[in-house]
Amino acid sequence: MLIASYNKEQLGDVLLTVVAPDAAAQSCEKKGNIVRIFDVESGQTTGYNFFNASKIISGLETKKGQIFLDNGQVDALNEALKENGFSSELVVDEVSSFVEVVVGSVGGCSSITGSSTGVAVCSPAFLVIFSVYVFFKLNIIDSHRFAYYCAIVVR
């Protein structure tokens, strides 16, 4: 799993990378212009923040949001990791582990009998909830986010 995001306007010249699901307890260590985020219990790296990222990878200034890194860009990041005393851990995702969310029109909604919250059930909601459930089972999102996304879908 390798997710990369860049938004110079909002975060400055920082490339955020996620290499593993969130951990309940995380910590970080900084070496040079790189911060490693890791699981306190296992020591597993969950991500890196690359400061002055445009000096490592050219062309970032025009990017905004998720970036799909190629082999050359990952090699450059791994070299920066080594130069700053970290072990090389980044690997290009050749096949995405994400399941696509199915989007459709709402065929109809009906109120839940006896509900005081105004919650309604919409006919295609199960498709979105199923997709979010797959993210949860793949450890891409945690249980809190799972409940949050399902609550939004049901609204």
N, C-alpha and C. Protein backbone atom coordinates (compact mmCIF):
# COMPACT_ATOMS: atom_id res chain seq x y z
N MET A 1 0.85 -1.17 0.00
CA MET A 1 0.00 0.00 0.00
C MET A 1 0.89 1.23 0.00
N LEU A 2 0.70 2.11 -0.96
CA LEU A 2 1.40 3.38 -1.00
C LEU A 2 0.44 4.44 -1.51
N ILE A 3 0.09 5.36 -0.62
CA ILE A 3 -0.77 6.47 -0.99
C ILE A 3 0.05 7.73 -0.79
N ALA A 4 0.08 8.59 -1.80
CA ALA A 4 0.84 9.83 -1.72
C ALA A 4 -0.09 11.01 -2.01
N SER A 5 0.13 12.10 -1.28
CA SER A 5 -0.70 13.29 -1.44
C SER A 5 0.17 14.53 -1.34
N TYR A 6 -0.16 15.54 -2.16
CA TYR A 6 0.60 16.79 -2.18
C TYR A 6 -0.36 17.94 -2.42
N ASN A 7 -0.24 19.00 -1.64
CA ASN A 7 -1.04 20.20 -1.82
C ASN A 7 -0.25 21.38 -1.27
N LYS A 8 0.58 21.97 -2.13
CA LYS A 8 1.47 23.04 -1.70
C LYS A 8 0.71 24.24 -1.13
N GLU A 9 -0.44 24.52 -1.71
CA GLU A 9 -1.25 25.66 -1.26
C GLU A 9 -1.68 25.52 0.20
N GLN A 10 -2.03 24.33 0.62
CA GLN A 10 -2.53 24.10 1.97
C GLN A 10 -1.47 23.66 2.97
N LEU A 11 -0.47 22.87 2.52
CA LEU A 11 0.50 22.28 3.44
C LEU A 11 1.93 22.74 3.23
N GLY A 12 2.17 23.52 2.18
CA GLY A 12 3.54 23.86 1.85
C GLY A 12 4.14 22.77 0.99
N ASP A 13 5.44 22.77 0.84
CA ASP A 13 6.13 21.82 -0.02
C ASP A 13 6.37 20.50 0.72
N VAL A 14 5.26 19.80 1.03
CA VAL A 14 5.31 18.56 1.81
C VAL A 14 4.56 17.46 1.06
N LEU A 15 5.24 16.35 0.84
CA LEU A 15 4.61 15.17 0.26
C LEU A 15 4.28 14.22 1.41
N LEU A 16 3.01 13.88 1.54
CA LEU A 16 2.56 12.94 2.57
C LEU A 16 2.42 11.57 1.95
N THR A 17 2.97 10.56 2.61
CA THR A 17 2.82 9.20 2.11
C THR A 17 2.26 8.32 3.22
N VAL A 18 1.41 7.38 2.84
CA VAL A 18 0.84 6.40 3.75
C VAL A 18 1.25 5.04 3.22
N VAL A 19 1.88 4.22 4.07
CA VAL A 19 2.33 2.90 3.64
C VAL A 19 1.65 1.75 4.39
N ALA A 20 0.88 2.09 5.42
CA ALA A 20 0.16 1.07 6.20
C ALA A 20 -1.04 1.74 6.87
N PRO A 21 -2.03 0.97 7.30
CA PRO A 21 -3.18 1.53 7.99
C PRO A 21 -2.78 2.23 9.29
N ASP A 22 -3.62 3.17 9.72
CA ASP A 22 -3.40 3.87 10.99
C ASP A 22 -3.27 2.88 12.13
N ALA A 23 -2.47 3.27 13.11
CA ALA A 23 -2.32 2.48 14.33
C ALA A 23 -3.00 3.23 15.47
N ALA A 24 -3.41 2.51 16.48
CA ALA A 24 -4.07 3.13 17.63
C ALA A 24 -3.15 4.12 18.32
N ALA A 25 -1.88 3.75 18.48
CA ALA A 25 -0.89 4.64 19.10
C ALA A 25 0.26 4.83 18.12
N GLN A 26 0.48 6.08 17.71
CA GLN A 26 1.53 6.38 16.76
C GLN A 26 2.52 7.36 17.36
N SER A 27 3.72 7.33 16.80
CA SER A 27 4.74 8.30 17.17
C SER A 27 5.49 8.66 15.89
N CYS A 28 6.46 9.55 16.01
CA CYS A 28 7.20 9.96 14.83
C CYS A 28 8.65 10.25 15.19
N GLU A 29 9.50 10.21 14.18
CA GLU A 29 10.89 10.58 14.32
C GLU A 29 11.28 11.39 13.09
N LYS A 30 12.07 12.44 13.31
CA LYS A 30 12.49 13.30 12.21
C LYS A 30 13.99 13.17 12.01
N LYS A 31 14.36 13.01 10.75
CA LYS A 31 15.76 13.01 10.34
C LYS A 31 15.85 13.87 9.09
N GLY A 32 16.61 14.96 9.18
CA GLY A 32 16.71 15.87 8.04
C GLY A 32 15.35 16.45 7.71
N ASN A 33 14.95 16.33 6.45
CA ASN A 33 13.66 16.86 6.00
C ASN A 33 12.58 15.79 5.86
N ILE A 34 12.76 14.68 6.57
CA ILE A 34 11.80 13.58 6.49
C ILE A 34 11.33 13.20 7.89
N VAL A 35 10.02 13.02 8.03
CA VAL A 35 9.44 12.54 9.28
C VAL A 35 8.82 11.17 9.01
N ARG A 36 9.20 10.21 9.84
CA ARG A 36 8.64 8.85 9.78
C ARG A 36 7.57 8.74 10.86
N ILE A 37 6.37 8.26 10.49
CA ILE A 37 5.29 8.02 11.43
C ILE A 37 5.18 6.50 11.58
N PHE A 38 5.09 6.02 12.82
CA PHE A 38 5.10 4.58 13.02
C PHE A 38 4.20 4.15 14.17
N ASP A 39 3.85 2.87 14.16
CA ASP A 39 3.05 2.23 15.20
C ASP A 39 3.94 2.02 16.42
N VAL A 40 3.54 2.56 17.56
CA VAL A 40 4.34 2.47 18.78
C VAL A 40 4.54 1.02 19.21
N GLU A 41 3.48 0.20 19.11
CA GLU A 41 3.58 -1.19 19.57
C GLU A 41 4.50 -2.05 18.70
N SER A 42 4.29 -2.00 17.39
CA SER A 42 5.03 -2.89 16.49
C SER A 42 6.28 -2.26 15.88
N GLY A 43 6.33 -0.93 15.87
CA GLY A 43 7.44 -0.25 15.22
C GLY A 43 7.26 -0.14 13.71
N GLN A 44 6.14 -0.68 13.18
CA GLN A 44 5.88 -0.64 11.74
C GLN A 44 5.64 0.80 11.28
N THR A 45 6.26 1.16 10.18
CA THR A 45 6.07 2.48 9.59
C THR A 45 4.66 2.57 9.00
N THR A 46 3.95 3.65 9.32
CA THR A 46 2.64 3.87 8.72
C THR A 46 2.68 4.96 7.65
N GLY A 47 3.73 5.79 7.67
CA GLY A 47 3.85 6.82 6.65
C GLY A 47 5.09 7.67 6.82
N TYR A 48 5.33 8.51 5.81
CA TYR A 48 6.42 9.48 5.83
C TYR A 48 5.89 10.82 5.37
N ASN A 49 6.44 11.89 5.92
CA ASN A 49 6.22 13.24 5.41
C ASN A 49 7.56 13.73 4.87
N PHE A 50 7.59 14.07 3.59
CA PHE A 50 8.80 14.57 2.94
C PHE A 50 8.70 16.08 2.80
N PHE A 51 9.49 16.82 3.59
CA PHE A 51 9.51 18.27 3.50
C PHE A 51 10.46 18.68 2.38
N ASN A 52 10.19 19.83 1.72
CA ASN A 52 10.94 20.27 0.53
C ASN A 52 10.89 19.17 -0.54
N ALA A 53 9.72 18.59 -0.70
CA ALA A 53 9.53 17.45 -1.60
C ALA A 53 9.84 17.77 -3.05
N SER A 54 9.62 19.02 -3.47
CA SER A 54 9.87 19.37 -4.87
C SER A 54 11.36 19.31 -5.21
N LYS A 55 12.23 19.27 -4.20
CA LYS A 55 13.66 19.09 -4.45
C LYS A 55 13.99 17.62 -4.69
N ILE A 56 13.08 16.74 -4.30
CA ILE A 56 13.28 15.29 -4.48
C ILE A 56 12.61 14.83 -5.77
N ILE A 57 11.38 15.31 -5.99
CA ILE A 57 10.60 14.94 -7.17
C ILE A 57 10.22 16.21 -7.91
N SER A 58 10.58 16.31 -9.16
CA SER A 58 10.21 17.51 -9.94
C SER A 58 8.76 17.42 -10.41
N GLY A 59 8.17 18.57 -10.64
CA GLY A 59 6.81 18.63 -11.17
C GLY A 59 5.71 18.58 -10.13
N LEU A 60 6.06 18.56 -8.86
CA LEU A 60 5.03 18.49 -7.81
C LEU A 60 4.22 19.77 -7.68
N GLU A 61 4.82 20.90 -8.04
CA GLU A 61 4.17 22.20 -7.82
C GLU A 61 2.80 22.29 -8.48
N THR A 62 2.58 21.52 -9.54
CA THR A 62 1.29 21.58 -10.25
C THR A 62 0.29 20.55 -9.73
N LYS A 63 0.72 19.72 -8.79
CA LYS A 63 -0.15 18.65 -8.27
C LYS A 63 -0.97 19.14 -7.09
N LYS A 64 -2.15 18.55 -6.94
CA LYS A 64 -3.02 18.90 -5.82
C LYS A 64 -3.88 17.68 -5.51
N GLY A 65 -3.64 17.08 -4.34
CA GLY A 65 -4.40 15.89 -3.96
C GLY A 65 -3.58 14.64 -4.07
N GLN A 66 -4.24 13.51 -4.31
CA GLN A 66 -3.53 12.24 -4.39
C GLN A 66 -2.67 12.19 -5.65
N ILE A 67 -1.48 11.63 -5.48
CA ILE A 67 -0.52 11.48 -6.58
C ILE A 67 -0.21 10.01 -6.72
N PHE A 68 -0.21 9.54 -7.95
CA PHE A 68 0.16 8.15 -8.22
C PHE A 68 1.62 8.16 -8.67
N LEU A 69 2.49 7.70 -7.78
CA LEU A 69 3.92 7.76 -8.01
C LEU A 69 4.37 6.62 -8.93
N ASP A 70 5.32 6.94 -9.84
CA ASP A 70 5.88 5.90 -10.69
C ASP A 70 7.17 5.36 -10.07
N ASN A 71 7.77 4.38 -10.71
CA ASN A 71 8.98 3.74 -10.17
C ASN A 71 10.11 4.73 -9.96
N GLY A 72 10.32 5.64 -10.90
CA GLY A 72 11.39 6.62 -10.78
C GLY A 72 11.20 7.55 -9.59
N GLN A 73 9.97 7.98 -9.37
CA GLN A 73 9.68 8.86 -8.24
C GLN A 73 9.86 8.14 -6.91
N VAL A 74 9.43 6.88 -6.85
CA VAL A 74 9.59 6.09 -5.62
C VAL A 74 11.08 5.84 -5.37
N ASP A 75 11.84 5.58 -6.43
CA ASP A 75 13.29 5.40 -6.28
C ASP A 75 13.93 6.66 -5.70
N ALA A 76 13.50 7.84 -6.18
CA ALA A 76 14.04 9.11 -5.66
C ALA A 76 13.69 9.29 -4.19
N LEU A 77 12.48 8.94 -3.81
CA LEU A 77 12.08 9.03 -2.40
C LEU A 77 12.86 8.05 -1.54
N ASN A 78 13.06 6.84 -2.03
CA ASN A 78 13.83 5.85 -1.29
C ASN A 78 15.29 6.30 -1.12
N GLU A 79 15.83 6.94 -2.14
CA GLU A 79 17.20 7.47 -2.03
C GLU A 79 17.26 8.55 -0.95
N ALA A 80 16.24 9.43 -0.92
CA ALA A 80 16.18 10.47 0.12
C ALA A 80 16.07 9.83 1.50
N LEU A 81 15.29 8.75 1.61
CA LEU A 81 15.17 8.05 2.89
C LEU A 81 16.53 7.53 3.34
N LYS A 82 17.26 6.91 2.44
CA LYS A 82 18.59 6.37 2.76
C LYS A 82 19.56 7.48 3.16
N GLU A 83 19.54 8.58 2.41
CA GLU A 83 20.44 9.70 2.69
C GLU A 83 20.19 10.30 4.07
N ASN A 84 18.96 10.16 4.56
CA ASN A 84 18.60 10.72 5.86
C ASN A 84 18.60 9.67 6.98
N GLY A 85 19.11 8.49 6.69
CA GLY A 85 19.27 7.48 7.73
C GLY A 85 18.10 6.55 7.96
N PHE A 86 17.13 6.56 7.05
CA PHE A 86 16.00 5.64 7.14
C PHE A 86 16.25 4.47 6.20
N SER A 87 15.64 3.33 6.50
CA SER A 87 15.73 2.20 5.57
C SER A 87 14.72 2.43 4.44
N SER A 88 15.02 1.94 3.27
CA SER A 88 14.15 2.11 2.11
C SER A 88 12.93 1.20 2.26
N GLU A 89 11.74 1.78 2.28
CA GLU A 89 10.52 0.99 2.49
C GLU A 89 9.45 1.22 1.43
N LEU A 90 9.57 2.24 0.62
CA LEU A 90 8.49 2.56 -0.31
C LEU A 90 8.53 1.65 -1.53
N VAL A 91 7.36 1.15 -1.91
CA VAL A 91 7.22 0.26 -3.06
C VAL A 91 6.05 0.76 -3.89
N VAL A 92 6.22 0.79 -5.20
CA VAL A 92 5.14 1.23 -6.09
C VAL A 92 4.01 0.22 -6.02
N ASP A 93 2.77 0.72 -5.90
CA ASP A 93 1.59 -0.14 -5.96
C ASP A 93 1.27 -0.39 -7.43
N GLU A 94 1.57 -1.60 -7.89
CA GLU A 94 1.25 -1.95 -9.28
C GLU A 94 -0.25 -2.19 -9.45
N VAL A 95 -0.86 -2.79 -8.42
CA VAL A 95 -2.29 -3.07 -8.44
C VAL A 95 -2.88 -2.45 -7.18
N SER A 96 -3.86 -1.62 -7.37
CA SER A 96 -4.48 -0.96 -6.22
C SER A 96 -5.24 -1.97 -5.38
N SER A 97 -5.15 -1.81 -4.05
CA SER A 97 -5.89 -2.69 -3.15
C SER A 97 -7.28 -2.14 -2.83
N PHE A 98 -7.60 -0.99 -3.39
CA PHE A 98 -8.89 -0.38 -3.12
C PHE A 98 -9.97 -0.97 -4.00
N VAL A 99 -11.15 -1.09 -3.47
CA VAL A 99 -12.31 -1.50 -4.23
C VAL A 99 -13.04 -0.22 -4.60
N GLU A 100 -13.47 -0.11 -5.85
CA GLU A 100 -14.12 1.11 -6.27
C GLU A 100 -15.51 1.22 -5.65
N VAL A 101 -15.89 2.43 -5.33
CA VAL A 101 -17.22 2.69 -4.79
C VAL A 101 -18.19 2.81 -5.97
N VAL A 102 -19.28 2.11 -5.88
CA VAL A 102 -20.30 2.17 -6.92
C VAL A 102 -21.19 3.37 -6.64
N VAL A 103 -21.39 4.19 -7.65
CA VAL A 103 -22.23 5.38 -7.50
C VAL A 103 -23.46 5.18 -8.36
N GLY A 104 -24.63 5.47 -7.80
CA GLY A 104 -25.86 5.30 -8.55
C GLY A 104 -26.88 6.33 -8.10
N SER A 105 -28.00 6.33 -8.75
CA SER A 105 -29.06 7.25 -8.35
C SER A 105 -29.91 6.60 -7.27
N VAL A 106 -30.53 7.44 -6.45
CA VAL A 106 -31.38 6.95 -5.38
C VAL A 106 -32.73 6.61 -5.98
N GLY A 107 -33.11 5.33 -5.84
CA GLY A 107 -34.38 4.88 -6.39
C GLY A 107 -35.56 5.25 -5.51
N GLY A 108 -35.31 5.48 -4.24
CA GLY A 108 -36.36 5.85 -3.32
C GLY A 108 -35.87 5.79 -1.90
N CYS A 109 -36.54 6.51 -1.02
CA CYS A 109 -36.19 6.52 0.40
C CYS A 109 -37.45 6.29 1.21
N SER A 110 -37.28 5.64 2.35
CA SER A 110 -38.41 5.48 3.25
C SER A 110 -37.93 5.66 4.68
N SER A 111 -38.77 6.28 5.50
CA SER A 111 -38.42 6.52 6.90
C SER A 111 -38.38 5.21 7.66
N ILE A 112 -37.51 5.16 8.66
CA ILE A 112 -37.45 3.99 9.52
C ILE A 112 -38.54 4.15 10.58
N THR A 113 -39.42 3.19 10.66
CA THR A 113 -40.54 3.24 11.59
C THR A 113 -40.02 3.34 13.02
N GLY A 114 -40.55 4.32 13.76
CA GLY A 114 -40.19 4.50 15.16
C GLY A 114 -38.89 5.26 15.38
N SER A 115 -38.26 5.75 14.30
CA SER A 115 -37.00 6.49 14.45
C SER A 115 -37.28 7.93 14.79
N SER A 116 -36.65 8.42 15.87
CA SER A 116 -36.83 9.82 16.25
C SER A 116 -35.75 10.71 15.65
N THR A 117 -34.82 10.10 14.90
CA THR A 117 -33.70 10.88 14.36
C THR A 117 -33.93 11.33 12.93
N GLY A 118 -35.00 10.87 12.30
CA GLY A 118 -35.26 11.26 10.92
C GLY A 118 -34.42 10.48 9.92
N VAL A 119 -33.84 9.38 10.35
CA VAL A 119 -33.01 8.57 9.47
C VAL A 119 -33.90 7.84 8.48
N ALA A 120 -33.45 7.79 7.24
CA ALA A 120 -34.19 7.08 6.20
C ALA A 120 -33.26 6.07 5.53
N VAL A 121 -33.85 5.05 4.97
CA VAL A 121 -33.08 4.05 4.24
C VAL A 121 -33.30 4.29 2.75
N CYS A 122 -32.21 4.42 2.01
CA CYS A 122 -32.28 4.64 0.57
C CYS A 122 -31.86 3.36 -0.13
N SER A 123 -32.52 3.04 -1.22
CA SER A 123 -32.32 1.75 -1.87
C SER A 123 -30.89 1.45 -2.30
N PRO A 124 -30.08 2.37 -2.86
CA PRO A 124 -28.73 1.96 -3.24
C PRO A 124 -27.70 2.11 -2.12
N ALA A 125 -28.15 2.47 -0.93
CA ALA A 125 -27.19 2.71 0.16
C ALA A 125 -26.36 1.47 0.46
N PHE A 126 -26.93 0.29 0.29
CA PHE A 126 -26.19 -0.92 0.61
C PHE A 126 -24.94 -1.06 -0.25
N LEU A 127 -24.96 -0.52 -1.49
CA LEU A 127 -23.77 -0.61 -2.35
C LEU A 127 -22.61 0.19 -1.76
N VAL A 128 -22.90 1.40 -1.30
CA VAL A 128 -21.86 2.24 -0.72
C VAL A 128 -21.40 1.65 0.61
N ILE A 129 -22.33 1.21 1.44
CA ILE A 129 -21.97 0.62 2.72
C ILE A 129 -21.13 -0.63 2.50
N PHE A 130 -21.48 -1.44 1.49
CA PHE A 130 -20.68 -2.63 1.20
C PHE A 130 -19.25 -2.23 0.82
N SER A 131 -19.09 -1.20 -0.02
CA SER A 131 -17.76 -0.75 -0.42
C SER A 131 -16.97 -0.25 0.77
N VAL A 132 -17.61 0.51 1.65
CA VAL A 132 -16.93 0.99 2.86
C VAL A 132 -16.56 -0.19 3.75
N TYR A 133 -17.45 -1.20 3.82
CA TYR A 133 -17.16 -2.40 4.60
C TYR A 133 -15.92 -3.11 4.07
N VAL A 134 -15.77 -3.18 2.75
CA VAL A 134 -14.58 -3.80 2.15
C VAL A 134 -13.34 -3.02 2.56
N PHE A 135 -13.40 -1.69 2.55
CA PHE A 135 -12.26 -0.87 3.00
C PHE A 135 -11.92 -1.23 4.45
N PHE A 136 -12.93 -1.39 5.29
CA PHE A 136 -12.73 -1.73 6.70
C PHE A 136 -12.07 -3.11 6.83
N LYS A 137 -12.57 -4.10 6.10
CA LYS A 137 -12.03 -5.45 6.18
C LYS A 137 -10.59 -5.51 5.66
N LEU A 138 -10.23 -4.64 4.72
CA LEU A 138 -8.86 -4.60 4.20
C LEU A 138 -7.95 -3.74 5.09
N ASN A 139 -8.49 -3.26 6.22
CA ASN A 139 -7.76 -2.39 7.15
C ASN A 139 -7.33 -1.08 6.51
N ILE A 140 -8.10 -0.60 5.53
CA ILE A 140 -7.81 0.68 4.91
C ILE A 140 -8.42 1.80 5.75
N ILE A 141 -9.54 1.53 6.39
CA ILE A 141 -10.12 2.49 7.33
C ILE A 141 -10.37 1.76 8.65
N ASP A 142 -10.39 2.53 9.75
CA ASP A 142 -10.62 1.92 11.06
C ASP A 142 -12.11 1.89 11.38
N SER A 143 -12.47 1.30 12.52
CA SER A 143 -13.87 1.12 12.87
C SER A 143 -14.60 2.45 13.08
N HIS A 144 -13.91 3.47 13.58
CA HIS A 144 -14.54 4.77 13.78
C HIS A 144 -14.93 5.39 12.43
N ARG A 145 -14.02 5.33 11.46
CA ARG A 145 -14.32 5.87 10.14
C ARG A 145 -15.41 5.05 9.46
N PHE A 146 -15.40 3.73 9.66
CA PHE A 146 -16.42 2.86 9.09
C PHE A 146 -17.80 3.31 9.56
N ALA A 147 -17.96 3.49 10.87
CA ALA A 147 -19.24 3.91 11.43
C ALA A 147 -19.63 5.29 10.92
N TYR A 148 -18.65 6.20 10.81
CA TYR A 148 -18.91 7.56 10.34
C TYR A 148 -19.41 7.55 8.90
N TYR A 149 -18.71 6.82 8.01
CA TYR A 149 -19.11 6.78 6.60
C TYR A 149 -20.47 6.13 6.43
N CYS A 150 -20.74 5.07 7.19
CA CYS A 150 -22.04 4.42 7.10
C CYS A 150 -23.15 5.36 7.57
N ALA A 151 -22.88 6.14 8.60
CA ALA A 151 -23.87 7.10 9.10
C ALA A 151 -24.17 8.15 8.04
N ILE A 152 -23.17 8.58 7.31
CA ILE A 152 -23.39 9.58 6.26
C ILE A 152 -24.24 8.99 5.15
N VAL A 153 -23.97 7.75 4.77
CA VAL A 153 -24.72 7.11 3.70
C VAL A 153 -26.19 6.96 4.09
N VAL A 154 -26.44 6.62 5.33
CA VAL A 154 -27.80 6.37 5.78
C VAL A 154 -28.59 7.67 5.91
N ARG A 155 -27.91 8.79 6.15
CA ARG A 155 -28.62 10.08 6.32
C ARG A 155 -29.48 10.37 5.16
